[in-house]
Amino acid sequence: MSFTLKYKNIDEERQLPNENYTIADLLKELGLSAQTIVSKQNGELVIEDTVIKDDDDIQLVQIIYGG
């Protein structure tokens, strides 16, 4: 079981480590904060508790802060 991850210059297929693997788990693995990332699953905005399923397309978008 696998999913596609798109983030900055990453565009790769990754294996699902378990059936309850969430966006939060992915962010933790990548060392990213949910406060600075917007997550999309198959083109739809999702929250960190969303479970990633086989063949999902996951896109992570960095939020830019300014002042």
PDB file of N, CA and C in Angstrom:
ATOM      1  N   MET A   1       0.850  -1.179   0.000  1.00  0.00           N
ATOM      2  CA  MET A   1       0.000   0.000   0.000  1.00  0.00           C
ATOM      3  C   MET A   1       0.893   1.238   0.000  1.00  0.00           C
ATOM      4  N   SER A   2       0.537   2.195  -0.844  1.00  0.00           N
ATOM      5  CA  SER A   2       1.378   3.376  -0.979  1.00  0.00           C
ATOM      6  C   SER A   2       0.539   4.609  -1.312  1.00  0.00           C
ATOM      7  N   PHE A   3       1.194   5.769  -1.202  1.00  0.00           N
ATOM      8  CA  PHE A   3       0.563   7.036  -1.553  1.00  0.00           C
ATOM      9  C   PHE A   3       1.609   7.912  -2.217  1.00  0.00           C
ATOM     10  N   THR A   4       1.157   8.961  -2.885  1.00  0.00           N
ATOM     11  CA  THR A   4       2.059   9.904  -3.534  1.00  0.00           C
ATOM     12  C   THR A   4       2.162  11.163  -2.682  1.00  0.00           C
ATOM     13  N   LEU A   5       3.393  11.588  -2.417  1.00  0.00           N
ATOM     14  CA  LEU A   5       3.647  12.795  -1.639  1.00  0.00           C
ATOM     15  C   LEU A   5       4.220  13.868  -2.542  1.00  0.00           C
ATOM     16  N   LYS A   6       3.627  15.062  -2.468  1.00  0.00           N
ATOM     17  CA  LYS A   6       4.143  16.221  -3.182  1.00  0.00           C
ATOM     18  C   LYS A   6       4.368  17.333  -2.158  1.00  0.00           C
ATOM     19  N   TYR A   7       5.626  17.756  -2.050  1.00  0.00           N
ATOM     20  CA  TYR A   7       5.978  18.841  -1.131  1.00  0.00           C
ATOM     21  C   TYR A   7       7.254  19.488  -1.636  1.00  0.00           C
ATOM     22  N   LYS A   8       7.175  20.780  -1.947  1.00  0.00           N
ATOM     23  CA  LYS A   8       8.313  21.517  -2.514  1.00  0.00           C
ATOM     24  C   LYS A   8       8.864  20.749  -3.702  1.00  0.00           C
ATOM     25  N   ASN A   9      10.130  20.282  -3.639  1.00  0.00           N
ATOM     26  CA  ASN A   9      10.715  19.562  -4.770  1.00  0.00           C
ATOM     27  C   ASN A   9      10.557  18.042  -4.656  1.00  0.00           C
ATOM     28  N   ILE A  10       9.784  17.581  -3.681  1.00  0.00           N
ATOM     29  CA  ILE A  10       9.532  16.145  -3.510  1.00  0.00           C
ATOM     30  C   ILE A  10       8.277  15.766  -4.289  1.00  0.00           C
ATOM     31  N   ASP A  11       8.385  14.747  -5.100  1.00  0.00           N
ATOM     32  CA  ASP A  11       7.247  14.171  -5.804  1.00  0.00           C
ATOM     33  C   ASP A  11       7.540  12.680  -5.898  1.00  0.00           C
ATOM     34  N   GLU A  12       7.104  11.936  -4.865  1.00  0.00           N
ATOM     35  CA  GLU A  12       7.505  10.542  -4.775  1.00  0.00           C
ATOM     36  C   GLU A  12       6.396   9.656  -4.233  1.00  0.00           C
ATOM     37  N   GLU A  13       6.512   8.391  -4.532  1.00  0.00           N
ATOM     38  CA  GLU A  13       5.603   7.404  -3.975  1.00  0.00           C
ATOM     39  C   GLU A  13       6.214   6.893  -2.679  1.00  0.00           C
ATOM     40  N   ARG A  14       5.393   6.832  -1.630  1.00  0.00           N
ATOM     41  CA  ARG A  14       5.863   6.378  -0.316  1.00  0.00           C
ATOM     42  C   ARG A  14       4.982   5.235   0.161  1.00  0.00           C
ATOM     43  N   GLN A  15       5.579   4.349   0.915  1.00  0.00           N
ATOM     44  CA  GLN A  15       4.844   3.220   1.474  1.00  0.00           C
ATOM     45  C   GLN A  15       4.084   3.643   2.729  1.00  0.00           C
ATOM     46  N   LEU A  16       2.890   3.105   2.896  1.00  0.00           N
ATOM     47  CA  LEU A  16       2.122   3.340   4.124  1.00  0.00           C
ATOM     48  C   LEU A  16       2.646   2.380   5.191  1.00  0.00           C
ATOM     49  N   PRO A  17       3.159   2.901   6.309  1.00  0.00           N
ATOM     50  CA  PRO A  17       3.703   2.023   7.344  1.00  0.00           C
ATOM     51  C   PRO A  17       2.640   1.221   8.097  1.00  0.00           C
ATOM     52  N   ASN A  18       1.420   1.755   8.159  1.00  0.00           N
ATOM     53  CA  ASN A  18       0.311   1.038   8.802  1.00  0.00           C
ATOM     54  C   ASN A  18      -1.013   1.599   8.297  1.00  0.00           C
ATOM     55  N   GLU A  19      -2.116   0.941   8.637  1.00  0.00           N
ATOM     56  CA  GLU A  19      -3.419   1.353   8.092  1.00  0.00           C
ATOM     57  C   GLU A  19      -4.015   2.572   8.778  1.00  0.00           C
ATOM     58  N   ASN A  20      -3.420   3.014   9.880  1.00  0.00           N
ATOM     59  CA  ASN A  20      -3.909   4.197  10.591  1.00  0.00           C
ATOM     60  C   ASN A  20      -2.930   5.362  10.492  1.00  0.00           C
ATOM     61  N   TYR A  21      -2.143   5.407   9.432  1.00  0.00           N
ATOM     62  CA  TYR A  21      -1.136   6.451   9.214  1.00  0.00           C
ATOM     63  C   TYR A  21      -1.843   7.748   8.832  1.00  0.00           C
ATOM     64  N   THR A  22      -1.587   8.802   9.601  1.00  0.00           N
ATOM     65  CA  THR A  22      -2.302  10.071   9.408  1.00  0.00           C
ATOM     66  C   THR A  22      -1.390  11.150   8.833  1.00  0.00           C
ATOM     67  N   ILE A  23      -2.018  12.252   8.453  1.00  0.00           N
ATOM     68  CA  ILE A  23      -1.268  13.429   8.012  1.00  0.00           C
ATOM     69  C   ILE A  23      -0.324  13.873   9.132  1.00  0.00           C
ATOM     70  N   ALA A  24      -0.791  13.837  10.378  1.00  0.00           N
ATOM     71  CA  ALA A  24       0.047  14.220  11.526  1.00  0.00           C
ATOM     72  C   ALA A  24       1.286  13.332  11.610  1.00  0.00           C
ATOM     73  N   ASP A  25       1.125  12.029  11.378  1.00  0.00           N
ATOM     74  CA  ASP A  25       2.269  11.108  11.388  1.00  0.00           C
ATOM     75  C   ASP A  25       3.269  11.474  10.298  1.00  0.00           C
ATOM     76  N   LEU A  26       2.752  11.797   9.115  1.00  0.00           N
ATOM     77  CA  LEU A  26       3.611  12.184   7.993  1.00  0.00           C
ATOM     78  C   LEU A  26       4.375  13.464   8.310  1.00  0.00           C
ATOM     79  N   LEU A  27       3.674  14.463   8.846  1.00  0.00           N
ATOM     80  CA  LEU A  27       4.320  15.730   9.192  1.00  0.00           C
ATOM     81  C   LEU A  27       5.428  15.507  10.227  1.00  0.00           C
ATOM     82  N   LYS A  28       5.149  14.685  11.216  1.00  0.00           N
ATOM     83  CA  LYS A  28       6.147  14.387  12.253  1.00  0.00           C
ATOM     84  C   LYS A  28       7.371  13.708  11.632  1.00  0.00           C
ATOM     85  N   GLU A  29       7.124  12.756  10.744  1.00  0.00           N
ATOM     86  CA  GLU A  29       8.211  12.038  10.076  1.00  0.00           C
ATOM     87  C   GLU A  29       9.089  12.987   9.257  1.00  0.00           C
ATOM     88  N   LEU A  30       8.465  13.991   8.645  1.00  0.00           N
ATOM     89  CA  LEU A  30       9.197  14.952   7.822  1.00  0.00           C
ATOM     90  C   LEU A  30       9.763  16.117   8.629  1.00  0.00           C
ATOM     91  N   GLY A  31       9.443  16.177   9.931  1.00  0.00           N
ATOM     92  CA  GLY A  31       9.931  17.265  10.774  1.00  0.00           C
ATOM     93  C   GLY A  31       9.234  18.585  10.496  1.00  0.00           C
ATOM     94  N   LEU A  32       7.970  18.523  10.100  1.00  0.00           N
ATOM     95  CA  LEU A  32       7.202  19.722   9.765  1.00  0.00           C
ATOM     96  C   LEU A  32       6.134  19.984  10.818  1.00  0.00           C
ATOM     97  N   SER A  33       5.736  21.238  10.944  1.00  0.00           N
ATOM     98  CA  SER A  33       4.707  21.633  11.901  1.00  0.00           C
ATOM     99  C   SER A  33       3.372  21.837  11.198  1.00  0.00           C
ATOM    100  N   ALA A  34       2.310  21.325  11.785  1.00  0.00           N
ATOM    101  CA  ALA A  34       0.966  21.502  11.232  1.00  0.00           C
ATOM    102  C   ALA A  34       0.565  22.977  11.231  1.00  0.00           C
ATOM    103  N   GLN A  35       1.234  23.798  12.022  1.00  0.00           N
ATOM    104  CA  GLN A  35       0.922  25.221  12.077  1.00  0.00           C
ATOM    105  C   GLN A  35       1.460  25.979  10.869  1.00  0.00           C
ATOM    106  N   THR A  36       2.400  25.379  10.144  1.00  0.00           N
ATOM    107  CA  THR A  36       2.995  26.059   8.992  1.00  0.00           C
ATOM    108  C   THR A  36       2.732  25.340   7.672  1.00  0.00           C
ATOM    109  N   ILE A  37       1.903  24.287   7.710  1.00  0.00           N
ATOM    110  CA  ILE A  37       1.629  23.476   6.519  1.00  0.00           C
ATOM    111  C   ILE A  37       0.124  23.332   6.312  1.00  0.00           C
ATOM    112  N   VAL A  38      -0.306  23.480   5.064  1.00  0.00           N
ATOM    113  CA  VAL A  38      -1.673  23.154   4.674  1.00  0.00           C
ATOM    114  C   VAL A  38      -1.606  21.813   3.958  1.00  0.00           C
ATOM    115  N   SER A  39      -2.503  20.897   4.317  1.00  0.00           N
ATOM    116  CA  SER A  39      -2.481  19.555   3.746  1.00  0.00           C
ATOM    117  C   SER A  39      -3.679  19.335   2.844  1.00  0.00           C
ATOM    118  N   LYS A  40      -3.420  18.679   1.707  1.00  0.00           N
ATOM    119  CA  LYS A  40      -4.484  18.303   0.780  1.00  0.00           C
ATOM    120  C   LYS A  40      -4.399  16.808   0.517  1.00  0.00           C
ATOM    121  N   GLN A  41      -5.561  16.178   0.521  1.00  0.00           N
ATOM    122  CA  GLN A  41      -5.672  14.757   0.189  1.00  0.00           C
ATOM    123  C   GLN A  41      -6.556  14.657  -1.044  1.00  0.00           C
ATOM    124  N   ASN A  42      -5.999  14.209  -2.145  1.00  0.00           N
ATOM    125  CA  ASN A  42      -6.729  14.102  -3.414  1.00  0.00           C
ATOM    126  C   ASN A  42      -7.394  15.426  -3.796  1.00  0.00           C
ATOM    127  N   GLY A  43      -6.670  16.530  -3.565  1.00  0.00           N
ATOM    128  CA  GLY A  43      -7.137  17.855  -3.959  1.00  0.00           C
ATOM    129  C   GLY A  43      -8.040  18.564  -2.969  1.00  0.00           C
ATOM    130  N   GLU A  44      -8.414  17.903  -1.879  1.00  0.00           N
ATOM    131  CA  GLU A  44      -9.293  18.494  -0.865  1.00  0.00           C
ATOM    132  C   GLU A  44      -8.501  18.834   0.393  1.00  0.00           C
ATOM    133  N   LEU A  45      -8.756  20.012   0.979  1.00  0.00           N
ATOM    134  CA  LEU A  45      -8.106  20.369   2.237  1.00  0.00           C
ATOM    135  C   LEU A  45      -8.520  19.403   3.338  1.00  0.00           C
ATOM    136  N   VAL A  46      -7.552  18.977   4.147  1.00  0.00           N
ATOM    137  CA  VAL A  46      -7.827  18.035   5.234  1.00  0.00           C
ATOM    138  C   VAL A  46      -7.103  18.469   6.504  1.00  0.00           C
ATOM    139  N   ILE A  47      -7.534  17.914   7.628  1.00  0.00           N
ATOM    140  CA  ILE A  47      -6.899  18.187   8.915  1.00  0.00           C
ATOM    141  C   ILE A  47      -5.853  17.116   9.212  1.00  0.00           C
ATOM    142  N   GLU A  48      -5.054  17.343  10.234  1.00  0.00           N
ATOM    143  CA  GLU A  48      -3.947  16.448  10.561  1.00  0.00           C
ATOM    144  C   GLU A  48      -4.394  15.046  10.975  1.00  0.00           C
ATOM    145  N   ASP A  49      -5.621  14.902  11.492  1.00  0.00           N
ATOM    146  CA  ASP A  49      -6.110  13.600  11.945  1.00  0.00           C
ATOM    147  C   ASP A  49      -6.589  12.712  10.801  1.00  0.00           C
ATOM    148  N   THR A  50      -6.553  13.218   9.575  1.00  0.00           N
ATOM    149  CA  THR A  50      -7.023  12.461   8.423  1.00  0.00           C
ATOM    150  C   THR A  50      -6.106  11.270   8.157  1.00  0.00           C
ATOM    151  N   VAL A  51      -6.708  10.099   7.961  1.00  0.00           N
ATOM    152  CA  VAL A  51      -5.956   8.879   7.665  1.00  0.00           C
ATOM    153  C   VAL A  51      -5.619   8.847   6.176  1.00  0.00           C
ATOM    154  N   ILE A  52      -4.370   8.574   5.867  1.00  0.00           N
ATOM    155  CA  ILE A  52      -3.921   8.439   4.482  1.00  0.00           C
ATOM    156  C   ILE A  52      -4.228   7.024   4.015  1.00  0.00           C
ATOM    157  N   LYS A  53      -4.845   6.915   2.839  1.00  0.00           N
ATOM    158  CA  LYS A  53      -5.246   5.612   2.307  1.00  0.00           C
ATOM    159  C   LYS A  53      -4.419   5.259   1.082  1.00  0.00           C
ATOM    160  N   ASP A  54      -4.485   4.002   0.702  1.00  0.00           N
ATOM    161  CA  ASP A  54      -3.784   3.501  -0.472  1.00  0.00           C
ATOM    162  C   ASP A  54      -4.154   4.315  -1.708  1.00  0.00           C
ATOM    163  N   ASP A  55      -3.153   4.690  -2.489  1.00  0.00           N
ATOM    164  CA  ASP A  55      -3.307   5.450  -3.742  1.00  0.00           C
ATOM    165  C   ASP A  55      -3.700   6.909  -3.554  1.00  0.00           C
ATOM    166  N   ASP A  56      -3.673   7.433  -2.333  1.00  0.00           N
ATOM    167  CA  ASP A  56      -3.970   8.856  -2.116  1.00  0.00           C
ATOM    168  C   ASP A  56      -2.856   9.719  -2.696  1.00  0.00           C
ATOM    169  N   ASP A  57      -3.242  10.912  -3.124  1.00  0.00           N
ATOM    170  CA  ASP A  57      -2.288  11.953  -3.496  1.00  0.00           C
ATOM    171  C   ASP A  57      -2.283  12.968  -2.360  1.00  0.00           C
ATOM    172  N   ILE A  58      -1.157  13.113  -1.688  1.00  0.00           N
ATOM    173  CA  ILE A  58      -1.022  14.039  -0.566  1.00  0.00           C
ATOM    174  C   ILE A  58      -0.126  15.190  -1.005  1.00  0.00           C
ATOM    175  N   GLN A  59      -0.648  16.395  -0.869  1.00  0.00           N
ATOM    176  CA  GLN A  59       0.134  17.582  -1.196  1.00  0.00           C
ATOM    177  C   GLN A  59       0.259  18.421   0.066  1.00  0.00           C
ATOM    178  N   LEU A  60       1.482  18.812   0.379  1.00  0.00           N
ATOM    179  CA  LEU A  60       1.757  19.673   1.518  1.00  0.00           C
ATOM    180  C   LEU A  60       2.203  21.026   1.003  1.00  0.00           C
ATOM    181  N   VAL A  61       1.576  22.093   1.500  1.00  0.00           N
ATOM    182  CA  VAL A  61       1.875  23.441   1.036  1.00  0.00           C
ATOM    183  C   VAL A  61       2.352  24.267   2.228  1.00  0.00           C
ATOM    184  N   GLN A  62       3.540  24.849   2.093  1.00  0.00           N
ATOM    185  CA  GLN A  62       4.115  25.706   3.139  1.00  0.00           C
ATOM    186  C   GLN A  62       3.356  27.024   3.199  1.00  0.00           C
ATOM    187  N   ILE A  63       2.916  27.414   4.395  1.00  0.00           N
ATOM    188  CA  ILE A  63       2.263  28.699   4.599  1.00  0.00           C
ATOM    189  C   ILE A  63       3.343  29.750   4.779  1.00  0.00           C
ATOM    190  N   ILE A  64       3.194  30.871   4.111  1.00  0.00           N
ATOM    191  CA  ILE A  64       4.169  31.955   4.214  1.00  0.00           C
ATOM    192  C   ILE A  64       3.610  33.043   5.115  1.00  0.00           C
ATOM    193  N   TYR A  65       4.374  33.364   6.136  1.00  0.00           N
ATOM    194  CA  TYR A  65       3.997  34.436   7.068  1.00  0.00           C
ATOM    195  C   TYR A  65       4.719  35.699   6.666  1.00  0.00           C
ATOM    196  N   GLY A  66       4.075  36.817   6.910  1.00  0.00           N
ATOM    197  CA  GLY A  66       4.725  38.084   6.626  1.00  0.00           C
ATOM    198  C   GLY A  66       4.204  39.166   7.566  1.00  0.00           C
ATOM    199  N   GLY A  67       4.840  40.271   7.539  1.00  0.00           N
ATOM    200  CA  GLY A  67       4.390  41.310   8.443  1.00  0.00           C
ATOM    201  C   GLY A  67       4.731  42.675   7.974  1.00  0.00           C
TER     202      GLY A  67
END
